[in-house]
Amino acid sequence: MTGRARDQIEPLTKWLALLILPFLVVASVLLYLLPTETELLFAWTIEPPLTAMLLGSAYLGGIWFFVHVVWQARWHRVRHGFPAVVVFASLVGVATLMHIDRFHSGHISFITWLVLYLTTPFLVLDALFANRHSDDGLAEEGDFRIPFRVRAVLGSLGVLALLVGLALFLAPQAFLSTWAWDLTPLTAQIVGAVLTLPGMVNLWLFVDERWSAVRWIFQAQLFTLPFIALALVFARGDLQWSRPATPLFVIGIVLSLLGYAALYWWCERHSNLREEGAPGSRLRRTDAV
């Protein structure tokens, strides 16, 4: 690598994050604060409102993540979030094309949605490619090595979330009458795409022990989970309590929120990371995983 320090984020990657952020902000406001107005304001009519709020919560976590892509100096601090964005955006793009008749053709929000989800997977994939040599596996000074047993548990939960998300996407009809709230084939695929986000992030814990490599992405997940929990409260009328999936989903969100918060606190206690690390700071190499 020539012309810049190792572990430094490519400038074009930061510009991509700046480009994405305004759309996430607008979508979050529309979906989370105005979930019953999607017929008039959004790219497609989302029912029930709980689905809109779930997607809005994911976008709020995306805001936190991409703000850090702009703000951070080190690539490895945000690297593991990019594959998750590629998978999520790709699935949403495919779902859009599969159910194009459900969208508000000609509406500015639909045109924006379509352009974003047909281009974002390729732009984010290009960012991954551009930064492919940046992370050399070094841990920061003051970093914490997450024990393998902890990483294995979180990674396994990630596999479960990813499998459920892919199942919803690939076989949406199987979940229409069994999910925690009513779904259509399109909303089932969108919910599935949302579930792949934590799944893809947690998978990296199998191979990366550095707390610095997941700390800021965990912050994004911790930012998302309270909004999902609040959505379950505010849109509780949408939940179908006669279905076994409902208590499982609600309990899963509550336990995830508590578990992520406890893990974050524990890892922070054992680390001495600076909030912003200069690319030229002294590094030390982790032990092999």
C-alpha atoms as a PDB file:
ATOM      1  CA  MET A   1       0.000   0.000   0.000  1.00  0.00           C
ATOM      2  CA  THR A   2       1.392   3.366  -0.993  1.00  0.00           C
ATOM      3  CA  GLY A   3       0.381   6.965  -0.460  1.00  0.00           C
ATOM      4  CA  ARG A   4      -1.402   6.561   2.876  1.00  0.00           C
ATOM      5  CA  ALA A   5      -1.041   4.953   6.272  1.00  0.00           C
ATOM      6  CA  ARG A   6      -2.288   1.467   6.952  1.00  0.00           C
ATOM      7  CA  ASP A   7      -5.699   1.062   8.591  1.00  0.00           C
ATOM      8  CA  GLN A   8      -6.853   4.396   7.214  1.00  0.00           C
ATOM      9  CA  ILE A   9     -10.304   4.676   5.648  1.00  0.00           C
ATOM     10  CA  GLU A  10     -10.278   5.660   1.980  1.00  0.00           C
ATOM     11  CA  PRO A  11     -11.631   9.225   1.503  1.00  0.00           C
ATOM     12  CA  LEU A  12     -14.182   8.027  -1.068  1.00  0.00           C
ATOM     13  CA  THR A  13     -15.584   5.663   1.545  1.00  0.00           C
ATOM     14  CA  LYS A  14     -16.247   8.616   3.814  1.00  0.00           C
ATOM     15  CA  TRP A  15     -17.928  10.469   0.955  1.00  0.00           C
ATOM     16  CA  LEU A  16     -20.131   7.432   0.331  1.00  0.00           C
ATOM     17  CA  ALA A  17     -21.174   7.468   3.999  1.00  0.00           C
ATOM     18  CA  LEU A  18     -21.982  11.178   3.749  1.00  0.00           C
ATOM     19  CA  LEU A  19     -24.098  10.463   0.668  1.00  0.00           C
ATOM     20  CA  ILE A  20     -26.072   7.702   2.390  1.00  0.00           C
ATOM     21  CA  LEU A  21     -26.698   9.486   5.695  1.00  0.00           C
ATOM     22  CA  PRO A  22     -29.365  12.024   4.573  1.00  0.00           C
ATOM     23  CA  PHE A  23     -31.491   9.261   3.066  1.00  0.00           C
ATOM     24  CA  LEU A  24     -31.266   7.250   6.291  1.00  0.00           C
ATOM     25  CA  VAL A  25     -32.319  10.269   8.319  1.00  0.00           C
ATOM     26  CA  VAL A  26     -35.375  10.995   6.153  1.00  0.00           C
ATOM     27  CA  ALA A  27     -36.407   7.337   5.997  1.00  0.00           C
ATOM     28  CA  SER A  28     -36.031   6.968   9.767  1.00  0.00           C
ATOM     29  CA  VAL A  29     -38.307   9.939  10.423  1.00  0.00           C
ATOM     30  CA  LEU A  30     -40.951   8.753   7.963  1.00  0.00           C
ATOM     31  CA  LEU A  31     -40.975   5.137   9.088  1.00  0.00           C
ATOM     32  CA  TYR A  32     -40.509   5.468  12.833  1.00  0.00           C
ATOM     33  CA  LEU A  33     -42.421   8.663  13.608  1.00  0.00           C
ATOM     34  CA  LEU A  34     -45.066   8.406  10.868  1.00  0.00           C
ATOM     35  CA  PRO A  35     -45.538   4.639  10.390  1.00  0.00           C
ATOM     36  CA  THR A  36     -49.246   4.981   9.589  1.00  0.00           C
ATOM     37  CA  GLU A  37     -48.623   7.469   6.770  1.00  0.00           C
ATOM     38  CA  THR A  38     -46.547   5.313   4.421  1.00  0.00           C
ATOM     39  CA  GLU A  39     -49.341   5.196   1.836  1.00  0.00           C
ATOM     40  CA  LEU A  40     -48.899   8.924   1.275  1.00  0.00           C
ATOM     41  CA  LEU A  41     -45.292   9.581   2.209  1.00  0.00           C
ATOM     42  CA  PHE A  42     -43.216   6.509   1.500  1.00  0.00           C
ATOM     43  CA  ALA A  43     -42.142   4.396  -1.468  1.00  0.00           C
ATOM     44  CA  TRP A  44     -44.735   1.729  -0.667  1.00  0.00           C
ATOM     45  CA  THR A  45     -47.550   1.156   1.783  1.00  0.00           C
ATOM     46  CA  ILE A  46     -46.243  -0.742   4.796  1.00  0.00           C
ATOM     47  CA  GLU A  47     -48.736  -2.552   6.988  1.00  0.00           C
ATOM     48  CA  PRO A  48     -48.929  -3.064   9.859  1.00  0.00           C
ATOM     49  CA  PRO A  49     -47.060  -0.029  11.264  1.00  0.00           C
ATOM     50  CA  LEU A  50     -44.811  -2.303  13.347  1.00  0.00           C
ATOM     51  CA  THR A  51     -43.013  -3.406  10.175  1.00  0.00           C
ATOM     52  CA  ALA A  52     -42.367   0.221   9.239  1.00  0.00           C
ATOM     53  CA  MET A  53     -41.012   0.952  12.730  1.00  0.00           C
ATOM     54  CA  LEU A  54     -38.751  -2.103  12.608  1.00  0.00           C
ATOM     55  CA  LEU A  55     -37.260  -0.935   9.314  1.00  0.00           C
ATOM     56  CA  GLY A  56     -36.976   2.592  10.710  1.00  0.00           C
ATOM     57  CA  SER A  57     -35.089   1.223  13.720  1.00  0.00           C
ATOM     58  CA  ALA A  58     -32.611  -0.482  11.395  1.00  0.00           C
ATOM     59  CA  TYR A  59     -32.072   2.815   9.586  1.00  0.00           C
ATOM     60  CA  LEU A  60     -31.441   4.569  12.916  1.00  0.00           C
ATOM     61  CA  GLY A  61     -28.694   2.059  13.627  1.00  0.00           C
ATOM     62  CA  GLY A  62     -27.400   2.721  10.125  1.00  0.00           C
ATOM     63  CA  ILE A  63     -27.155   6.422  10.932  1.00  0.00           C
ATOM     64  CA  TRP A  64     -24.990   5.650  13.955  1.00  0.00           C
ATOM     65  CA  PHE A  65     -22.789   3.346  11.881  1.00  0.00           C
ATOM     66  CA  PHE A  66     -22.246   5.675   8.933  1.00  0.00           C
ATOM     67  CA  VAL A  67     -21.600   8.670  11.206  1.00  0.00           C
ATOM     68  CA  HIS A  68     -18.694   6.655  12.588  1.00  0.00           C
ATOM     69  CA  VAL A  69     -17.520   5.774   9.084  1.00  0.00           C
ATOM     70  CA  VAL A  70     -17.202   9.528   8.504  1.00  0.00           C
ATOM     71  CA  TRP A  71     -15.730  10.262  11.916  1.00  0.00           C
ATOM     72  CA  GLN A  72     -13.331   7.393  12.571  1.00  0.00           C
ATOM     73  CA  ALA A  73      -9.830   7.242  11.153  1.00  0.00           C
ATOM     74  CA  ARG A  74      -9.219   3.493  11.334  1.00  0.00           C
ATOM     75  CA  TRP A  75     -10.765   1.144   8.780  1.00  0.00           C
ATOM     76  CA  HIS A  76     -10.826  -1.896  11.051  1.00  0.00           C
ATOM     77  CA  ARG A  77     -13.174  -0.074  13.434  1.00  0.00           C
ATOM     78  CA  VAL A  78     -15.985  -0.051  10.842  1.00  0.00           C
ATOM     79  CA  ARG A  79     -14.910  -2.753   8.429  1.00  0.00           C
ATOM     80  CA  HIS A  80     -17.209  -5.523   9.665  1.00  0.00           C
ATOM     81  CA  GLY A  81     -20.319  -3.421   9.146  1.00  0.00           C
ATOM     82  CA  PHE A  82     -19.848  -3.166   5.382  1.00  0.00           C
ATOM     83  CA  PRO A  83     -20.560  -6.825   4.444  1.00  0.00           C
ATOM     84  CA  ALA A  84     -23.777  -6.590   6.477  1.00  0.00           C
ATOM     85  CA  VAL A  85     -24.823  -3.501   4.502  1.00  0.00           C
ATOM     86  CA  VAL A  86     -24.040  -5.248   1.204  1.00  0.00           C
ATOM     87  CA  VAL A  87     -26.224  -8.248   2.102  1.00  0.00           C
ATOM     88  CA  PHE A  88     -29.061  -6.111   3.474  1.00  0.00           C
ATOM     89  CA  ALA A  89     -29.133  -3.699   0.531  1.00  0.00           C
ATOM     90  CA  SER A  90     -28.873  -6.548  -1.992  1.00  0.00           C
ATOM     91  CA  LEU A  91     -31.801  -8.418  -0.455  1.00  0.00           C
ATOM     92  CA  VAL A  92     -33.937  -5.279  -0.311  1.00  0.00           C
ATOM     93  CA  GLY A  93     -33.076  -4.511  -3.935  1.00  0.00           C
ATOM     94  CA  VAL A  94     -34.080  -8.013  -5.040  1.00  0.00           C
ATOM     95  CA  ALA A  95     -37.304  -7.837  -2.998  1.00  0.00           C
ATOM     96  CA  THR A  96     -38.117  -4.505  -4.646  1.00  0.00           C
ATOM     97  CA  LEU A  97     -37.774  -5.946  -8.129  1.00  0.00           C
ATOM     98  CA  MET A  98     -39.785  -9.034  -7.181  1.00  0.00           C
ATOM     99  CA  HIS A  99     -42.691  -6.933  -5.862  1.00  0.00           C
ATOM    100  CA  ILE A 100     -42.368  -3.827  -8.007  1.00  0.00           C
ATOM    101  CA  ASP A 101     -46.169  -3.706  -8.394  1.00  0.00           C
ATOM    102  CA  ARG A 102     -46.528  -2.994  -4.662  1.00  0.00           C
ATOM    103  CA  PHE A 103     -44.605   0.271  -4.895  1.00  0.00           C
ATOM    104  CA  HIS A 104     -45.910   3.767  -5.579  1.00  0.00           C
ATOM    105  CA  SER A 105     -44.788   4.150  -9.155  1.00  0.00           C
ATOM    106  CA  GLY A 106     -43.707   7.685 -10.032  1.00  0.00           C
ATOM    107  CA  HIS A 107     -43.608   8.868  -6.410  1.00  0.00           C
ATOM    108  CA  ILE A 108     -40.364  10.664  -5.554  1.00  0.00           C
ATOM    109  CA  SER A 109     -39.846   8.382  -2.559  1.00  0.00           C
ATOM    110  CA  PHE A 110     -40.120   5.307  -4.778  1.00  0.00           C
ATOM    111  CA  ILE A 111     -37.687   6.702  -7.356  1.00  0.00           C
ATOM    112  CA  THR A 112     -35.243   7.469  -4.541  1.00  0.00           C
ATOM    113  CA  TRP A 113     -35.742   4.012  -3.000  1.00  0.00           C
ATOM    114  CA  LEU A 114     -35.221   2.259  -6.335  1.00  0.00           C
ATOM    115  CA  VAL A 115     -32.078   4.179  -7.233  1.00  0.00           C
ATOM    116  CA  LEU A 116     -30.601   3.653  -3.770  1.00  0.00           C
ATOM    117  CA  TYR A 117     -31.180  -0.071  -3.590  1.00  0.00           C
ATOM    118  CA  LEU A 118     -30.051  -0.732  -7.141  1.00  0.00           C
ATOM    119  CA  THR A 119     -26.781   1.129  -6.595  1.00  0.00           C
ATOM    120  CA  THR A 120     -25.908   0.892  -2.887  1.00  0.00           C
ATOM    121  CA  PRO A 121     -24.874  -2.790  -2.904  1.00  0.00           C
ATOM    122  CA  PHE A 122     -22.325  -2.098  -5.635  1.00  0.00           C
ATOM    123  CA  LEU A 123     -21.068   1.154  -4.088  1.00  0.00           C
ATOM    124  CA  VAL A 124     -20.580  -0.437  -0.658  1.00  0.00           C
ATOM    125  CA  LEU A 125     -18.956  -3.489  -2.252  1.00  0.00           C
ATOM    126  CA  ASP A 126     -16.594  -1.143  -4.080  1.00  0.00           C
ATOM    127  CA  ALA A 127     -15.746   0.512  -0.750  1.00  0.00           C
ATOM    128  CA  LEU A 128     -14.896  -2.906   0.676  1.00  0.00           C
ATOM    129  CA  PHE A 129     -12.664  -3.606  -2.302  1.00  0.00           C
ATOM    130  CA  ALA A 130     -10.955  -0.207  -2.083  1.00  0.00           C
ATOM    131  CA  ASN A 131     -10.105  -0.774   1.602  1.00  0.00           C
ATOM    132  CA  ARG A 132      -9.283  -4.460   1.251  1.00  0.00           C
ATOM    133  CA  HIS A 133      -5.611  -4.091   2.217  1.00  0.00           C
ATOM    134  CA  SER A 134      -6.117  -1.561   5.010  1.00  0.00           C
ATOM    135  CA  ASP A 135      -6.657  -3.872   7.977  1.00  0.00           C
ATOM    136  CA  ASP A 136      -3.542  -5.916   8.780  1.00  0.00           C
ATOM    137  CA  GLY A 137      -4.941  -7.590  11.881  1.00  0.00           C
ATOM    138  CA  LEU A 138      -3.241  -5.348  14.418  1.00  0.00           C
ATOM    139  CA  ALA A 139      -4.907  -4.533  17.716  1.00  0.00           C
ATOM    140  CA  GLU A 140      -4.810  -1.005  19.022  1.00  0.00           C
ATOM    141  CA  GLU A 141      -2.912  -0.025  22.122  1.00  0.00           C
ATOM    142  CA  GLY A 142      -5.294  -0.536  25.025  1.00  0.00           C
ATOM    143  CA  ASP A 143      -7.396  -2.972  22.997  1.00  0.00           C
ATOM    144  CA  PHE A 144      -9.214  -5.918  24.597  1.00  0.00           C
ATOM    145  CA  ARG A 145      -9.136  -9.440  23.199  1.00  0.00           C
ATOM    146  CA  ILE A 146     -12.636 -10.903  23.516  1.00  0.00           C
ATOM    147  CA  PRO A 147     -12.423 -14.501  24.806  1.00  0.00           C
ATOM    148  CA  PHE A 148     -13.316 -17.123  22.248  1.00  0.00           C
ATOM    149  CA  ARG A 149     -16.170 -18.597  24.312  1.00  0.00           C
ATOM    150  CA  VAL A 150     -17.881 -15.199  24.324  1.00  0.00           C
ATOM    151  CA  ARG A 151     -17.287 -14.738  20.621  1.00  0.00           C
ATOM    152  CA  ALA A 152     -18.559 -18.241  19.913  1.00  0.00           C
ATOM    153  CA  VAL A 153     -21.845 -17.546  21.701  1.00  0.00           C
ATOM    154  CA  LEU A 154     -22.392 -14.252  19.897  1.00  0.00           C
ATOM    155  CA  GLY A 155     -21.290 -15.725  16.601  1.00  0.00           C
ATOM    156  CA  SER A 156     -23.741 -18.597  17.013  1.00  0.00           C
ATOM    157  CA  LEU A 157     -26.554 -16.155  17.732  1.00  0.00           C
ATOM    158  CA  GLY A 158     -25.499 -14.333  14.584  1.00  0.00           C
ATOM    159  CA  VAL A 159     -25.773 -17.551  12.588  1.00  0.00           C
ATOM    160  CA  LEU A 160     -29.282 -18.067  13.995  1.00  0.00           C
ATOM    161  CA  ALA A 161     -30.381 -14.519  13.114  1.00  0.00           C
ATOM    162  CA  LEU A 162     -28.888 -14.868   9.639  1.00  0.00           C
ATOM    163  CA  LEU A 163     -30.621 -18.207   9.026  1.00  0.00           C
ATOM    164  CA  VAL A 164     -33.988 -16.874  10.183  1.00  0.00           C
ATOM    165  CA  GLY A 165     -33.535 -13.774   8.049  1.00  0.00           C
ATOM    166  CA  LEU A 166     -32.638 -15.795   4.958  1.00  0.00           C
ATOM    167  CA  ALA A 167     -35.539 -18.170   5.589  1.00  0.00           C
ATOM    168  CA  LEU A 168     -37.932 -15.216   5.707  1.00  0.00           C
ATOM    169  CA  PHE A 169     -36.459 -13.888   2.499  1.00  0.00           C
ATOM    170  CA  LEU A 170     -36.338 -17.162   0.561  1.00  0.00           C
ATOM    171  CA  ALA A 171     -39.625 -18.659   1.766  1.00  0.00           C
ATOM    172  CA  PRO A 172     -41.809 -15.720   2.860  1.00  0.00           C
ATOM    173  CA  GLN A 173     -45.049 -17.607   2.334  1.00  0.00           C
ATOM    174  CA  ALA A 174     -44.133 -20.000   5.133  1.00  0.00           C
ATOM    175  CA  PHE A 175     -44.145 -17.171   7.686  1.00  0.00           C
ATOM    176  CA  LEU A 176     -47.247 -15.207   6.713  1.00  0.00           C
ATOM    177  CA  SER A 177     -49.462 -16.799   9.360  1.00  0.00           C
ATOM    178  CA  THR A 178     -46.801 -17.781  11.902  1.00  0.00           C
ATOM    179  CA  TRP A 179     -44.704 -14.638  12.419  1.00  0.00           C
ATOM    180  CA  ALA A 180     -45.163 -12.388  15.458  1.00  0.00           C
ATOM    181  CA  TRP A 181     -47.256  -9.964  13.410  1.00  0.00           C
ATOM    182  CA  ASP A 182     -48.997 -10.077  10.037  1.00  0.00           C
ATOM    183  CA  LEU A 183     -46.735 -10.117   7.005  1.00  0.00           C
ATOM    184  CA  THR A 184     -47.056 -10.017   3.245  1.00  0.00           C
ATOM    185  CA  PRO A 185     -44.492 -11.674   0.966  1.00  0.00           C
ATOM    186  CA  LEU A 186     -42.784  -8.283   0.543  1.00  0.00           C
ATOM    187  CA  THR A 187     -42.743  -7.332   4.226  1.00  0.00           C
ATOM    188  CA  ALA A 188     -41.568 -10.834   5.164  1.00  0.00           C
ATOM    189  CA  GLN A 189     -38.572 -10.369   2.879  1.00  0.00           C
ATOM    190  CA  ILE A 190     -37.871  -6.901   4.280  1.00  0.00           C
ATOM    191  CA  VAL A 191     -38.015  -8.198   7.868  1.00  0.00           C
ATOM    192  CA  GLY A 192     -35.712 -11.021   6.799  1.00  0.00           C
ATOM    193  CA  ALA A 193     -33.251  -8.522   5.334  1.00  0.00           C
ATOM    194  CA  VAL A 194     -33.262  -6.564   8.619  1.00  0.00           C
ATOM    195  CA  LEU A 195     -32.468  -9.722  10.595  1.00  0.00           C
ATOM    196  CA  THR A 196     -29.415 -10.420   8.443  1.00  0.00           C
ATOM    197  CA  LEU A 197     -27.771  -7.206   9.705  1.00  0.00           C
ATOM    198  CA  PRO A 198     -26.879  -8.408  13.239  1.00  0.00           C
ATOM    199  CA  GLY A 199     -26.312 -11.864  11.829  1.00  0.00           C
ATOM    200  CA  MET A 200     -23.644 -10.722   9.385  1.00  0.00           C
ATOM    201  CA  VAL A 201     -21.954  -8.515  11.986  1.00  0.00           C
ATOM    202  CA  ASN A 202     -21.753 -11.245  14.631  1.00  0.00           C
ATOM    203  CA  LEU A 203     -20.269 -13.757  12.210  1.00  0.00           C
ATOM    204  CA  TRP A 204     -17.002 -11.830  12.237  1.00  0.00           C
ATOM    205  CA  LEU A 205     -16.568 -12.590  15.925  1.00  0.00           C
ATOM    206  CA  PHE A 206     -15.557 -16.115  14.970  1.00  0.00           C
ATOM    207  CA  VAL A 207     -12.395 -14.777  13.342  1.00  0.00           C
ATOM    208  CA  ASP A 208     -11.680 -11.395  14.936  1.00  0.00           C
ATOM    209  CA  GLU A 209     -10.981 -11.099  18.672  1.00  0.00           C
ATOM    210  CA  ARG A 210     -10.362  -7.332  18.780  1.00  0.00           C
ATOM    211  CA  TRP A 211     -12.907  -5.320  20.731  1.00  0.00           C
ATOM    212  CA  SER A 212     -11.889  -2.308  18.656  1.00  0.00           C
ATOM    213  CA  ALA A 213     -13.122  -4.121  15.533  1.00  0.00           C
ATOM    214  CA  VAL A 214     -16.695  -4.452  16.811  1.00  0.00           C
ATOM    215  CA  ARG A 215     -17.051  -1.757  19.480  1.00  0.00           C
ATOM    216  CA  TRP A 216     -18.522   0.947  17.276  1.00  0.00           C
ATOM    217  CA  ILE A 217     -20.713  -1.500  15.348  1.00  0.00           C
ATOM    218  CA  PHE A 218     -22.033  -2.807  18.664  1.00  0.00           C
ATOM    219  CA  GLN A 219     -22.887   0.782  19.522  1.00  0.00           C
ATOM    220  CA  ALA A 220     -25.035   0.895  16.388  1.00  0.00           C
ATOM    221  CA  GLN A 221     -26.826  -2.291  17.435  1.00  0.00           C
ATOM    222  CA  LEU A 222     -27.308  -0.953  20.957  1.00  0.00           C
ATOM    223  CA  PHE A 223     -28.755   2.197  19.403  1.00  0.00           C
ATOM    224  CA  THR A 224     -31.174   0.120  17.310  1.00  0.00           C
ATOM    225  CA  LEU A 225     -32.464  -2.286  19.956  1.00  0.00           C
ATOM    226  CA  PRO A 226     -34.184   0.265  22.260  1.00  0.00           C
ATOM    227  CA  PHE A 227     -36.083   1.642  19.276  1.00  0.00           C
ATOM    228  CA  ILE A 228     -37.240  -1.864  18.352  1.00  0.00           C
ATOM    229  CA  ALA A 229     -38.302  -2.424  21.962  1.00  0.00           C
ATOM    230  CA  LEU A 230     -40.232   0.854  21.962  1.00  0.00           C
ATOM    231  CA  ALA A 231     -41.846  -0.107  18.658  1.00  0.00           C
ATOM    232  CA  LEU A 232     -43.103  -3.307  20.282  1.00  0.00           C
ATOM    233  CA  VAL A 233     -44.692  -1.152  22.984  1.00  0.00           C
ATOM    234  CA  PHE A 234     -46.161   1.577  20.780  1.00  0.00           C
ATOM    235  CA  ALA A 235     -47.391  -0.849  18.104  1.00  0.00           C
ATOM    236  CA  ARG A 236     -48.286  -3.649  20.511  1.00  0.00           C
ATOM    237  CA  GLY A 237     -51.716  -3.897  18.908  1.00  0.00           C
ATOM    238  CA  ASP A 238     -50.035  -5.351  15.824  1.00  0.00           C
ATOM    239  CA  LEU A 239     -48.572  -8.288  17.745  1.00  0.00           C
ATOM    240  CA  GLN A 240     -50.384 -11.615  17.387  1.00  0.00           C
ATOM    241  CA  TRP A 241     -50.044 -13.149  20.845  1.00  0.00           C
ATOM    242  CA  SER A 242     -51.793 -16.360  19.804  1.00  0.00           C
ATOM    243  CA  ARG A 243     -48.724 -17.245  17.743  1.00  0.00           C
ATOM    244  CA  PRO A 244     -45.714 -18.868  19.484  1.00  0.00           C
ATOM    245  CA  ALA A 245     -43.348 -16.628  17.503  1.00  0.00           C
ATOM    246  CA  THR A 246     -44.622 -13.516  19.299  1.00  0.00           C
ATOM    247  CA  PRO A 247     -43.315 -14.152  22.834  1.00  0.00           C
ATOM    248  CA  LEU A 248     -40.124 -15.586  21.322  1.00  0.00           C
ATOM    249  CA  PHE A 249     -39.511 -12.409  19.326  1.00  0.00           C
ATOM    250  CA  VAL A 250     -40.349 -10.060  22.203  1.00  0.00           C
ATOM    251  CA  ILE A 251     -38.236 -11.987  24.710  1.00  0.00           C
ATOM    252  CA  GLY A 252     -35.431 -12.200  22.144  1.00  0.00           C
ATOM    253  CA  ILE A 253     -35.354  -8.423  21.693  1.00  0.00           C
ATOM    254  CA  VAL A 254     -35.381  -7.770  25.455  1.00  0.00           C
ATOM    255  CA  LEU A 255     -32.636 -10.323  26.122  1.00  0.00           C
ATOM    256  CA  SER A 256     -30.593  -8.992  23.196  1.00  0.00           C
ATOM    257  CA  LEU A 257     -30.816  -5.457  24.557  1.00  0.00           C
ATOM    258  CA  LEU A 258     -29.787  -6.525  28.049  1.00  0.00           C
ATOM    259  CA  GLY A 259     -27.107  -8.901  26.781  1.00  0.00           C
ATOM    260  CA  TYR A 260     -25.539  -6.417  24.383  1.00  0.00           C
ATOM    261  CA  ALA A 261     -25.523  -3.729  27.071  1.00  0.00           C
ATOM    262  CA  ALA A 262     -23.884  -6.071  29.576  1.00  0.00           C
ATOM    263  CA  LEU A 263     -21.302  -7.237  27.018  1.00  0.00           C
ATOM    264  CA  TYR A 264     -20.502  -3.671  25.998  1.00  0.00           C
ATOM    265  CA  TRP A 265     -20.007  -2.640  29.632  1.00  0.00           C
ATOM    266  CA  TRP A 266     -17.822  -5.688  30.323  1.00  0.00           C
ATOM    267  CA  CYS A 267     -15.596  -5.168  27.275  1.00  0.00           C
ATOM    268  CA  GLU A 268     -15.263  -1.467  28.034  1.00  0.00           C
ATOM    269  CA  ARG A 269     -14.095  -2.285  31.548  1.00  0.00           C
ATOM    270  CA  HIS A 270     -11.291  -4.394  30.111  1.00  0.00           C
ATOM    271  CA  SER A 271     -10.211  -2.023  27.359  1.00  0.00           C
ATOM    272  CA  ASN A 272      -8.514   1.330  27.256  1.00  0.00           C
ATOM    273  CA  LEU A 273      -9.375   2.443  23.745  1.00  0.00           C
ATOM    274  CA  ARG A 274      -9.325   6.067  22.771  1.00  0.00           C
ATOM    275  CA  GLU A 275     -12.511   7.369  21.188  1.00  0.00           C
ATOM    276  CA  GLU A 276     -10.564   8.372  18.082  1.00  0.00           C
ATOM    277  CA  GLY A 277      -7.322   6.653  17.104  1.00  0.00           C
ATOM    278  CA  ALA A 278      -4.842   8.162  14.700  1.00  0.00           C
ATOM    279  CA  PRO A 279      -3.741   5.743  11.959  1.00  0.00           C
ATOM    280  CA  GLY A 280      -0.106   6.178  12.971  1.00  0.00           C
ATOM    281  CA  SER A 281      -0.618   5.182  16.602  1.00  0.00           C
ATOM    282  CA  ARG A 282       1.392   2.295  18.011  1.00  0.00           C
ATOM    283  CA  LEU A 283      -0.272  -1.040  17.419  1.00  0.00           C
ATOM    284  CA  ARG A 284       0.288  -4.516  18.674  1.00  0.00           C
ATOM    285  CA  ARG A 285      -0.608  -7.746  16.916  1.00  0.00           C
ATOM    286  CA  THR A 286      -3.249 -10.055  18.326  1.00  0.00           C
ATOM    287  CA  ASP A 287      -2.638 -13.712  18.938  1.00  0.00           C
ATOM    288  CA  ALA A 288      -3.844 -16.015  16.222  1.00  0.00           C
ATOM    289  CA  VAL A 289      -7.464 -17.014  16.509  1.00  0.00           C
END
